Amino acid sequence: MIGQVAVRRFPALTVSTPRTEVRRLTAADASAAGEIFADKLTRRWLPLPDDSGPIDGHAWCTDLARQRRDSGEGDHYAVIRREDHQADLR
């Protein structure tokens, strides 16, 4: 293929154990993602400029994470505790 660059995409991943489930982000994870992105201690570890402003959890869970995955730039998952269905987003 002349003039085209192959993009390495992340494979689809879902992992289930008796205690947890690891899956791709969905719109239902938007609230938890918004809380995580609002946390100053968490933001310092994100690959974002300091002046990037607030990150919309819904946009991240529905569009931005998918774009990063499709471009090969990164992949993001929710880790769900089965006992209380609480998400820990990674």
PDB file of N, CA and C in Angstrom:
ATOM      1  N   MET A   1       0.845  -1.178   0.000  1.00  0.00           N
ATOM      2  CA  MET A   1       0.000   0.000   0.000  1.00  0.00           C
ATOM      3  C   MET A   1       0.889   1.240   0.000  1.00  0.00           C
ATOM      4  N   ILE A   2       0.995   1.878  -1.074  1.00  0.00           N
ATOM      5  CA  ILE A   2       1.802   3.079  -1.173  1.00  0.00           C
ATOM      6  C   ILE A   2       0.981   4.280  -0.715  1.00  0.00           C
ATOM      7  N   GLY A   3       1.579   5.102   0.151  1.00  0.00           N
ATOM      8  CA  GLY A   3       0.910   6.307   0.627  1.00  0.00           C
ATOM      9  C   GLY A   3      -0.045   6.085   1.783  1.00  0.00           C
ATOM     10  N   GLN A   4      -0.145   4.864   2.275  1.00  0.00           N
ATOM     11  CA  GLN A   4      -1.030   4.582   3.398  1.00  0.00           C
ATOM     12  C   GLN A   4      -0.210   4.077   4.576  1.00  0.00           C
ATOM     13  N   VAL A   5      -0.635   4.438   5.746  1.00  0.00           N
ATOM     14  CA  VAL A   5       0.036   4.007   6.967  1.00  0.00           C
ATOM     15  C   VAL A   5      -0.894   3.071   7.723  1.00  0.00           C
ATOM     16  N   ALA A   6      -0.389   1.914   8.100  1.00  0.00           N
ATOM     17  CA  ALA A   6      -1.193   0.975   8.874  1.00  0.00           C
ATOM     18  C   ALA A   6      -1.296   1.470  10.310  1.00  0.00           C
ATOM     19  N   VAL A   7      -2.493   1.472  10.843  1.00  0.00           N
ATOM     20  CA  VAL A   7      -2.727   1.882  12.220  1.00  0.00           C
ATOM     21  C   VAL A   7      -2.997   0.627  13.035  1.00  0.00           C
ATOM     22  N   ARG A   8      -2.227   0.471  14.096  1.00  0.00           N
ATOM     23  CA  ARG A   8      -2.442  -0.675  14.975  1.00  0.00           C
ATOM     24  C   ARG A   8      -3.580  -0.347  15.927  1.00  0.00           C
ATOM     25  N   ARG A   9      -4.623  -1.118  15.886  1.00  0.00           N
ATOM     26  CA  ARG A   9      -5.771  -0.895  16.757  1.00  0.00           C
ATOM     27  C   ARG A   9      -5.737  -1.883  17.909  1.00  0.00           C
ATOM     28  N   PHE A  10      -6.297  -1.453  19.024  1.00  0.00           N
ATOM     29  CA  PHE A  10      -6.379  -2.315  20.178  1.00  0.00           C
ATOM     30  C   PHE A  10      -7.492  -3.332  19.958  1.00  0.00           C
ATOM     31  N   PRO A  11      -7.284  -4.572  20.370  1.00  0.00           N
ATOM     32  CA  PRO A  11      -8.345  -5.576  20.197  1.00  0.00           C
ATOM     33  C   PRO A  11      -9.486  -5.331  21.174  1.00  0.00           C
ATOM     34  N   ALA A  12     -10.658  -5.827  20.813  1.00  0.00           N
ATOM     35  CA  ALA A  12     -11.795  -5.755  21.737  1.00  0.00           C
ATOM     36  C   ALA A  12     -11.468  -6.625  22.941  1.00  0.00           C
ATOM     37  N   LEU A  13     -11.777  -6.121  24.125  1.00  0.00           N
ATOM     38  CA  LEU A  13     -11.434  -6.847  25.343  1.00  0.00           C
ATOM     39  C   LEU A  13     -12.583  -6.791  26.330  1.00  0.00           C
ATOM     40  N   THR A  14     -12.966  -7.938  26.823  1.00  0.00           N
ATOM     41  CA  THR A  14     -13.890  -8.056  27.951  1.00  0.00           C
ATOM     42  C   THR A  14     -13.374  -9.209  28.797  1.00  0.00           C
ATOM     43  N   VAL A  15     -13.224  -8.964  30.083  1.00  0.00           N
ATOM     44  CA  VAL A  15     -12.754  -9.989  31.004  1.00  0.00           C
ATOM     45  C   VAL A  15     -13.757 -10.081  32.143  1.00  0.00           C
ATOM     46  N   SER A  16     -14.162 -11.286  32.461  1.00  0.00           N
ATOM     47  CA  SER A  16     -15.105 -11.491  33.563  1.00  0.00           C
ATOM     48  C   SER A  16     -14.531 -12.496  34.549  1.00  0.00           C
ATOM     49  N   THR A  17     -14.636 -12.154  35.817  1.00  0.00           N
ATOM     50  CA  THR A  17     -14.284 -13.071  36.892  1.00  0.00           C
ATOM     51  C   THR A  17     -15.469 -13.085  37.854  1.00  0.00           C
ATOM     52  N   PRO A  18     -15.449 -13.934  38.855  1.00  0.00           N
ATOM     53  CA  PRO A  18     -16.562 -13.931  39.807  1.00  0.00           C
ATOM     54  C   PRO A  18     -16.711 -12.589  40.541  1.00  0.00           C
ATOM     55  N   ARG A  19     -15.618 -11.821  40.700  1.00  0.00           N
ATOM     56  CA  ARG A  19     -15.679 -10.573  41.459  1.00  0.00           C
ATOM     57  C   ARG A  19     -15.703  -9.315  40.595  1.00  0.00           C
ATOM     58  N   THR A  20     -15.179  -9.379  39.388  1.00  0.00           N
ATOM     59  CA  THR A  20     -15.086  -8.169  38.560  1.00  0.00           C
ATOM     60  C   THR A  20     -15.384  -8.457  37.094  1.00  0.00           C
ATOM     61  N   GLU A  21     -15.651  -7.365  36.388  1.00  0.00           N
ATOM     62  CA  GLU A  21     -15.797  -7.406  34.934  1.00  0.00           C
ATOM     63  C   GLU A  21     -15.013  -6.226  34.375  1.00  0.00           C
ATOM     64  N   VAL A  22     -14.213  -6.470  33.364  1.00  0.00           N
ATOM     65  CA  VAL A  22     -13.474  -5.421  32.673  1.00  0.00           C
ATOM     66  C   VAL A  22     -14.100  -5.288  31.293  1.00  0.00           C
ATOM     67  N   ARG A  23     -14.516  -4.070  30.959  1.00  0.00           N
ATOM     68  CA  ARG A  23     -15.193  -3.867  29.668  1.00  0.00           C
ATOM     69  C   ARG A  23     -14.909  -2.458  29.157  1.00  0.00           C
ATOM     70  N   ARG A  24     -15.249  -2.244  27.910  1.00  0.00           N
ATOM     71  CA  ARG A  24     -15.100  -0.912  27.328  1.00  0.00           C
ATOM     72  C   ARG A  24     -16.056   0.061  28.008  1.00  0.00           C
ATOM     73  N   LEU A  25     -15.709   1.329  27.936  1.00  0.00           N
ATOM     74  CA  LEU A  25     -16.555   2.368  28.509  1.00  0.00           C
ATOM     75  C   LEU A  25     -17.856   2.506  27.728  1.00  0.00           C
ATOM     76  N   THR A  26     -18.924   2.876  28.435  1.00  0.00           N
ATOM     77  CA  THR A  26     -20.216   3.143  27.813  1.00  0.00           C
ATOM     78  C   THR A  26     -20.748   4.469  28.353  1.00  0.00           C
ATOM     79  N   ALA A  27     -21.819   4.944  27.785  1.00  0.00           N
ATOM     80  CA  ALA A  27     -22.438   6.190  28.247  1.00  0.00           C
ATOM     81  C   ALA A  27     -22.835   6.091  29.725  1.00  0.00           C
ATOM     82  N   ALA A  28     -23.135   4.895  30.210  1.00  0.00           N
ATOM     83  CA  ALA A  28     -23.514   4.712  31.614  1.00  0.00           C
ATOM     84  C   ALA A  28     -22.353   5.027  32.568  1.00  0.00           C
ATOM     85  N   ASP A  29     -21.128   5.053  32.065  1.00  0.00           N
ATOM     86  CA  ASP A  29     -19.947   5.341  32.881  1.00  0.00           C
ATOM     87  C   ASP A  29     -19.622   6.834  32.940  1.00  0.00           C
ATOM     88  N   ALA A  30     -20.412   7.668  32.275  1.00  0.00           N
ATOM     89  CA  ALA A  30     -20.096   9.095  32.143  1.00  0.00           C
ATOM     90  C   ALA A  30     -19.985   9.821  33.478  1.00  0.00           C
ATOM     91  N   SER A  31     -20.872   9.547  34.399  1.00  0.00           N
ATOM     92  CA  SER A  31     -20.845  10.234  35.692  1.00  0.00           C
ATOM     93  C   SER A  31     -19.565   9.907  36.451  1.00  0.00           C
ATOM     94  N   ALA A  32     -19.211   8.626  36.521  1.00  0.00           N
ATOM     95  CA  ALA A  32     -17.976   8.223  37.214  1.00  0.00           C
ATOM     96  C   ALA A  32     -16.753   8.807  36.522  1.00  0.00           C
ATOM     97  N   ALA A  33     -16.744   8.831  35.192  1.00  0.00           N
ATOM     98  CA  ALA A  33     -15.614   9.404  34.458  1.00  0.00           C
ATOM     99  C   ALA A  33     -15.494  10.893  34.741  1.00  0.00           C
ATOM    100  N   GLY A  34     -16.613  11.599  34.773  1.00  0.00           N
ATOM    101  CA  GLY A  34     -16.591  13.032  35.078  1.00  0.00           C
ATOM    102  C   GLY A  34     -16.003  13.313  36.447  1.00  0.00           C
ATOM    103  N   GLU A  35     -16.346  12.492  37.434  1.00  0.00           N
ATOM    104  CA  GLU A  35     -15.789  12.656  38.781  1.00  0.00           C
ATOM    105  C   GLU A  35     -14.287  12.414  38.794  1.00  0.00           C
ATOM    106  N   ILE A  36     -13.857  11.411  38.081  1.00  0.00           N
ATOM    107  CA  ILE A  36     -12.424  11.098  38.027  1.00  0.00           C
ATOM    108  C   ILE A  36     -11.657  12.222  37.344  1.00  0.00           C
ATOM    109  N   PHE A  37     -12.173  12.714  36.229  1.00  0.00           N
ATOM    110  CA  PHE A  37     -11.477  13.778  35.498  1.00  0.00           C
ATOM    111  C   PHE A  37     -11.488  15.098  36.255  1.00  0.00           C
ATOM    112  N   ALA A  38     -12.409  15.286  37.169  1.00  0.00           N
ATOM    113  CA  ALA A  38     -12.461  16.513  37.959  1.00  0.00           C
ATOM    114  C   ALA A  38     -11.464  16.494  39.122  1.00  0.00           C
ATOM    115  N   ASP A  39     -10.925  15.336  39.448  1.00  0.00           N
ATOM    116  CA  ASP A  39     -10.010  15.195  40.569  1.00  0.00           C
ATOM    117  C   ASP A  39      -8.608  15.687  40.184  1.00  0.00           C
ATOM    118  N   LYS A  40      -8.091  16.687  40.899  1.00  0.00           N
ATOM    119  CA  LYS A  40      -6.791  17.281  40.570  1.00  0.00           C
ATOM    120  C   LYS A  40      -5.647  16.286  40.678  1.00  0.00           C
ATOM    121  N   LEU A  41      -5.708  15.400  41.656  1.00  0.00           N
ATOM    122  CA  LEU A  41      -4.636  14.419  41.805  1.00  0.00           C
ATOM    123  C   LEU A  41      -4.608  13.438  40.637  1.00  0.00           C
ATOM    124  N   THR A  42      -5.771  13.097  40.120  1.00  0.00           N
ATOM    125  CA  THR A  42      -5.836  12.201  38.968  1.00  0.00           C
ATOM    126  C   THR A  42      -5.377  12.914  37.704  1.00  0.00           C
ATOM    127  N   ARG A  43      -5.813  14.153  37.524  1.00  0.00           N
ATOM    128  CA  ARG A  43      -5.491  14.899  36.294  1.00  0.00           C
ATOM    129  C   ARG A  43      -3.996  15.069  36.078  1.00  0.00           C
ATOM    130  N   ARG A  44      -3.226  15.109  37.160  1.00  0.00           N
ATOM    131  CA  ARG A  44      -1.788  15.315  36.975  1.00  0.00           C
ATOM    132  C   ARG A  44      -1.132  14.137  36.265  1.00  0.00           C
ATOM    133  N   TRP A  45      -1.789  12.976  36.244  1.00  0.00           N
ATOM    134  CA  TRP A  45      -1.238  11.805  35.583  1.00  0.00           C
ATOM    135  C   TRP A  45      -1.778  11.613  34.170  1.00  0.00           C
ATOM    136  N   LEU A  46      -2.711  12.457  33.770  1.00  0.00           N
ATOM    137  CA  LEU A  46      -3.288  12.328  32.436  1.00  0.00           C
ATOM    138  C   LEU A  46      -2.413  13.043  31.408  1.00  0.00           C
ATOM    139  N   PRO A  47      -2.359  12.526  30.195  1.00  0.00           N
ATOM    140  CA  PRO A  47      -1.541  13.168  29.154  1.00  0.00           C
ATOM    141  C   PRO A  47      -2.255  14.366  28.533  1.00  0.00           C
ATOM    142  N   LEU A  48      -2.581  15.343  29.376  1.00  0.00           N
ATOM    143  CA  LEU A  48      -3.302  16.528  28.924  1.00  0.00           C
ATOM    144  C   LEU A  48      -2.577  17.775  29.417  1.00  0.00           C
ATOM    145  N   PRO A  49      -2.623  18.862  28.651  1.00  0.00           N
ATOM    146  CA  PRO A  49      -2.033  20.107  29.139  1.00  0.00           C
ATOM    147  C   PRO A  49      -2.762  20.597  30.386  1.00  0.00           C
ATOM    148  N   ASP A  50      -2.044  21.298  31.257  1.00  0.00           N
ATOM    149  CA  ASP A  50      -2.640  21.811  32.494  1.00  0.00           C
ATOM    150  C   ASP A  50      -3.830  22.727  32.238  1.00  0.00           C
ATOM    151  N   ASP A  51      -3.806  23.439  31.132  1.00  0.00           N
ATOM    152  CA  ASP A  51      -4.875  24.394  30.822  1.00  0.00           C
ATOM    153  C   ASP A  51      -5.941  23.805  29.895  1.00  0.00           C
ATOM    154  N   SER A  52      -6.073  22.472  29.877  1.00  0.00           N
ATOM    155  CA  SER A  52      -7.011  21.840  28.939  1.00  0.00           C
ATOM    156  C   SER A  52      -8.467  22.020  29.331  1.00  0.00           C
ATOM    157  N   GLY A  53      -8.728  22.477  30.557  1.00  0.00           N
ATOM    158  CA  GLY A  53     -10.100  22.709  30.984  1.00  0.00           C
ATOM    159  C   GLY A  53     -10.781  21.414  31.389  1.00  0.00           C
ATOM    160  N   PRO A  54     -12.059  21.503  31.736  1.00  0.00           N
ATOM    161  CA  PRO A  54     -12.788  20.314  32.190  1.00  0.00           C
ATOM    162  C   PRO A  54     -12.985  19.303  31.058  1.00  0.00           C
ATOM    163  N   ILE A  55     -13.029  18.049  31.420  1.00  0.00           N
ATOM    164  CA  ILE A  55     -13.268  16.978  30.458  1.00  0.00           C
ATOM    165  C   ILE A  55     -14.684  16.470  30.679  1.00  0.00           C
ATOM    166  N   ASP A  56     -15.456  16.423  29.620  1.00  0.00           N
ATOM    167  CA  ASP A  56     -16.835  15.943  29.697  1.00  0.00           C
ATOM    168  C   ASP A  56     -16.841  14.421  29.756  1.00  0.00           C
ATOM    169  N   GLY A  57     -17.317  13.863  30.867  1.00  0.00           N
ATOM    170  CA  GLY A  57     -17.339  12.416  31.051  1.00  0.00           C
ATOM    171  C   GLY A  57     -18.132  11.694  29.972  1.00  0.00           C
ATOM    172  N   HIS A  58     -19.257  12.276  29.554  1.00  0.00           N
ATOM    173  CA  HIS A  58     -20.072  11.632  28.517  1.00  0.00           C
ATOM    174  C   HIS A  58     -19.328  11.599  27.191  1.00  0.00           C
ATOM    175  N   ALA A  59     -18.705  12.699  26.817  1.00  0.00           N
ATOM    176  CA  ALA A  59     -17.948  12.741  25.559  1.00  0.00           C
ATOM    177  C   ALA A  59     -16.798  11.742  25.604  1.00  0.00           C
ATOM    178  N   TRP A  60     -16.145  11.658  26.769  1.00  0.00           N
ATOM    179  CA  TRP A  60     -15.026  10.717  26.892  1.00  0.00           C
ATOM    180  C   TRP A  60     -15.505   9.276  26.717  1.00  0.00           C
ATOM    181  N   CYS A  61     -16.577   8.920  27.390  1.00  0.00           N
ATOM    182  CA  CYS A  61     -17.047   7.536  27.378  1.00  0.00           C
ATOM    183  C   CYS A  61     -17.686   7.124  26.062  1.00  0.00           C
ATOM    184  N   THR A  62     -18.189   8.074  25.303  1.00  0.00           N
ATOM    185  CA  THR A  62     -18.878   7.714  24.068  1.00  0.00           C
ATOM    186  C   THR A  62     -18.061   7.987  22.809  1.00  0.00           C
ATOM    187  N   ASP A  63     -17.286   9.079  22.776  1.00  0.00           N
ATOM    188  CA  ASP A  63     -16.572   9.439  21.549  1.00  0.00           C
ATOM    189  C   ASP A  63     -15.054   9.442  21.697  1.00  0.00           C
ATOM    190  N   LEU A  64     -14.543  10.148  22.695  1.00  0.00           N
ATOM    191  CA  LEU A  64     -13.108  10.366  22.791  1.00  0.00           C
ATOM    192  C   LEU A  64     -12.324   9.080  23.051  1.00  0.00           C
ATOM    193  N   ALA A  65     -12.804   8.235  23.942  1.00  0.00           N
ATOM    194  CA  ALA A  65     -12.116   6.971  24.200  1.00  0.00           C
ATOM    195  C   ALA A  65     -12.125   6.088  22.954  1.00  0.00           C
ATOM    196  N   ARG A  66     -13.240   6.076  22.228  1.00  0.00           N
ATOM    197  CA  ARG A  66     -13.321   5.296  20.985  1.00  0.00           C
ATOM    198  C   ARG A  66     -12.343   5.825  19.946  1.00  0.00           C
ATOM    199  N   GLN A  67     -12.248   7.146  19.815  1.00  0.00           N
ATOM    200  CA  GLN A  67     -11.321   7.739  18.856  1.00  0.00           C
ATOM    201  C   GLN A  67      -9.878   7.371  19.184  1.00  0.00           C
ATOM    202  N   ARG A  68      -9.513   7.424  20.475  1.00  0.00           N
ATOM    203  CA  ARG A  68      -8.158   7.047  20.892  1.00  0.00           C
ATOM    204  C   ARG A  68      -7.893   5.573  20.598  1.00  0.00           C
ATOM    205  N   ARG A  69      -8.883   4.720  20.856  1.00  0.00           N
ATOM    206  CA  ARG A  69      -8.732   3.289  20.587  1.00  0.00           C
ATOM    207  C   ARG A  69      -8.574   3.051  19.091  1.00  0.00           C
ATOM    208  N   ASP A  70      -9.433   3.658  18.277  1.00  0.00           N
ATOM    209  CA  ASP A  70      -9.404   3.438  16.830  1.00  0.00           C
ATOM    210  C   ASP A  70      -8.130   3.966  16.177  1.00  0.00           C
ATOM    211  N   SER A  71      -7.545   5.019  16.761  1.00  0.00           N
ATOM    212  CA  SER A  71      -6.325   5.589  16.191  1.00  0.00           C
ATOM    213  C   SER A  71      -5.068   4.875  16.683  1.00  0.00           C
ATOM    214  N   GLY A  72      -5.216   4.014  17.692  1.00  0.00           N
ATOM    215  CA  GLY A  72      -4.069   3.323  18.260  1.00  0.00           C
ATOM    216  C   GLY A  72      -3.369   4.115  19.345  1.00  0.00           C
ATOM    217  N   GLU A  73      -3.946   5.248  19.773  1.00  0.00           N
ATOM    218  CA  GLU A  73      -3.320   6.103  20.788  1.00  0.00           C
ATOM    219  C   GLU A  73      -3.514   5.607  22.212  1.00  0.00           C
ATOM    220  N   GLY A  74      -4.497   4.766  22.474  1.00  0.00           N
ATOM    221  CA  GLY A  74      -4.725   4.284  23.834  1.00  0.00           C
ATOM    222  C   GLY A  74      -6.061   3.576  23.921  1.00  0.00           C
ATOM    223  N   ASP A  75      -6.243   2.876  25.012  1.00  0.00           N
ATOM    224  CA  ASP A  75      -7.507   2.196  25.216  1.00  0.00           C
ATOM    225  C   ASP A  75      -7.911   2.376  26.669  1.00  0.00           C
ATOM    226  N   HIS A  76      -9.179   2.443  26.934  1.00  0.00           N
ATOM    227  CA  HIS A  76      -9.694   2.772  28.255  1.00  0.00           C
ATOM    228  C   HIS A  76     -10.831   1.823  28.602  1.00  0.00           C
ATOM    229  N   TYR A  77     -10.842   1.386  29.854  1.00  0.00           N
ATOM    230  CA  TYR A  77     -11.796   0.381  30.289  1.00  0.00           C
ATOM    231  C   TYR A  77     -12.440   0.762  31.614  1.00  0.00           C
ATOM    232  N   ALA A  78     -13.558   0.157  31.875  1.00  0.00           N
ATOM    233  CA  ALA A  78     -14.200   0.231  33.188  1.00  0.00           C
ATOM    234  C   ALA A  78     -13.990  -1.117  33.866  1.00  0.00           C
ATOM    235  N   VAL A  79     -13.641  -1.066  35.147  1.00  0.00           N
ATOM    236  CA  VAL A  79     -13.538  -2.277  35.956  1.00  0.00           C
ATOM    237  C   VAL A  79     -14.716  -2.223  36.920  1.00  0.00           C
ATOM    238  N   ILE A  80     -15.618  -3.171  36.802  1.00  0.00           N
ATOM    239  CA  ILE A  80     -16.859  -3.183  37.569  1.00  0.00           C
ATOM    240  C   ILE A  80     -16.770  -4.234  38.679  1.00  0.00           C
ATOM    241  N   ARG A  81     -17.017  -3.785  39.912  1.00  0.00           N
ATOM    242  CA  ARG A  81     -17.118  -4.733  41.027  1.00  0.00           C
ATOM    243  C   ARG A  81     -18.507  -5.351  40.987  1.00  0.00           C
ATOM    244  N   ARG A  82     -18.579  -6.635  40.913  1.00  0.00           N
ATOM    245  CA  ARG A  82     -19.876  -7.324  40.814  1.00  0.00           C
ATOM    246  C   ARG A  82     -20.712  -7.175  42.081  1.00  0.00           C
ATOM    247  N   GLU A  83     -20.078  -7.082  43.258  1.00  0.00           N
ATOM    248  CA  GLU A  83     -20.831  -7.035  44.503  1.00  0.00           C
ATOM    249  C   GLU A  83     -21.714  -5.800  44.623  1.00  0.00           C
ATOM    250  N   ASP A  84     -21.270  -4.662  44.053  1.00  0.00           N
ATOM    251  CA  ASP A  84     -22.077  -3.437  44.161  1.00  0.00           C
ATOM    252  C   ASP A  84     -22.219  -2.702  42.823  1.00  0.00           C
ATOM    253  N   HIS A  85     -21.692  -3.282  41.763  1.00  0.00           N
ATOM    254  CA  HIS A  85     -21.782  -2.722  40.415  1.00  0.00           C
ATOM    255  C   HIS A  85     -21.146  -1.334  40.300  1.00  0.00           C
ATOM    256  N   GLN A  86     -20.171  -1.034  41.166  1.00  0.00           N
ATOM    257  CA  GLN A  86     -19.459   0.241  41.108  1.00  0.00           C
ATOM    258  C   GLN A  86     -18.319   0.148  40.112  1.00  0.00           C
ATOM    259  N   ALA A  87     -18.117   1.232  39.369  1.00  0.00           N
ATOM    260  CA  ALA A  87     -17.079   1.267  38.352  1.00  0.00           C
ATOM    261  C   ALA A  87     -15.805   1.891  38.884  1.00  0.00           C
ATOM    262  N   ASP A  88     -14.694   1.342  38.439  1.00  0.00           N
ATOM    263  CA  ASP A  88     -13.372   1.918  38.635  1.00  0.00           C
ATOM    264  C   ASP A  88     -12.822   2.063  37.241  1.00  0.00           C
ATOM    265  N   LEU A  89     -12.739   3.266  36.715  1.00  0.00           N
ATOM    266  CA  LEU A  89     -12.350   3.477  35.331  1.00  0.00           C
ATOM    267  C   LEU A  89     -10.840   3.543  35.214  1.00  0.00           C
ATOM    268  N   ARG A  90     -10.309   2.888  34.231  1.00  0.00           N
ATOM    269  CA  ARG A  90      -8.858   2.867  33.979  1.00  0.00           C
ATOM    270  C   ARG A  90      -8.567   3.444  32.622  1.00  0.00           C
TER     271      ARG A  90
END
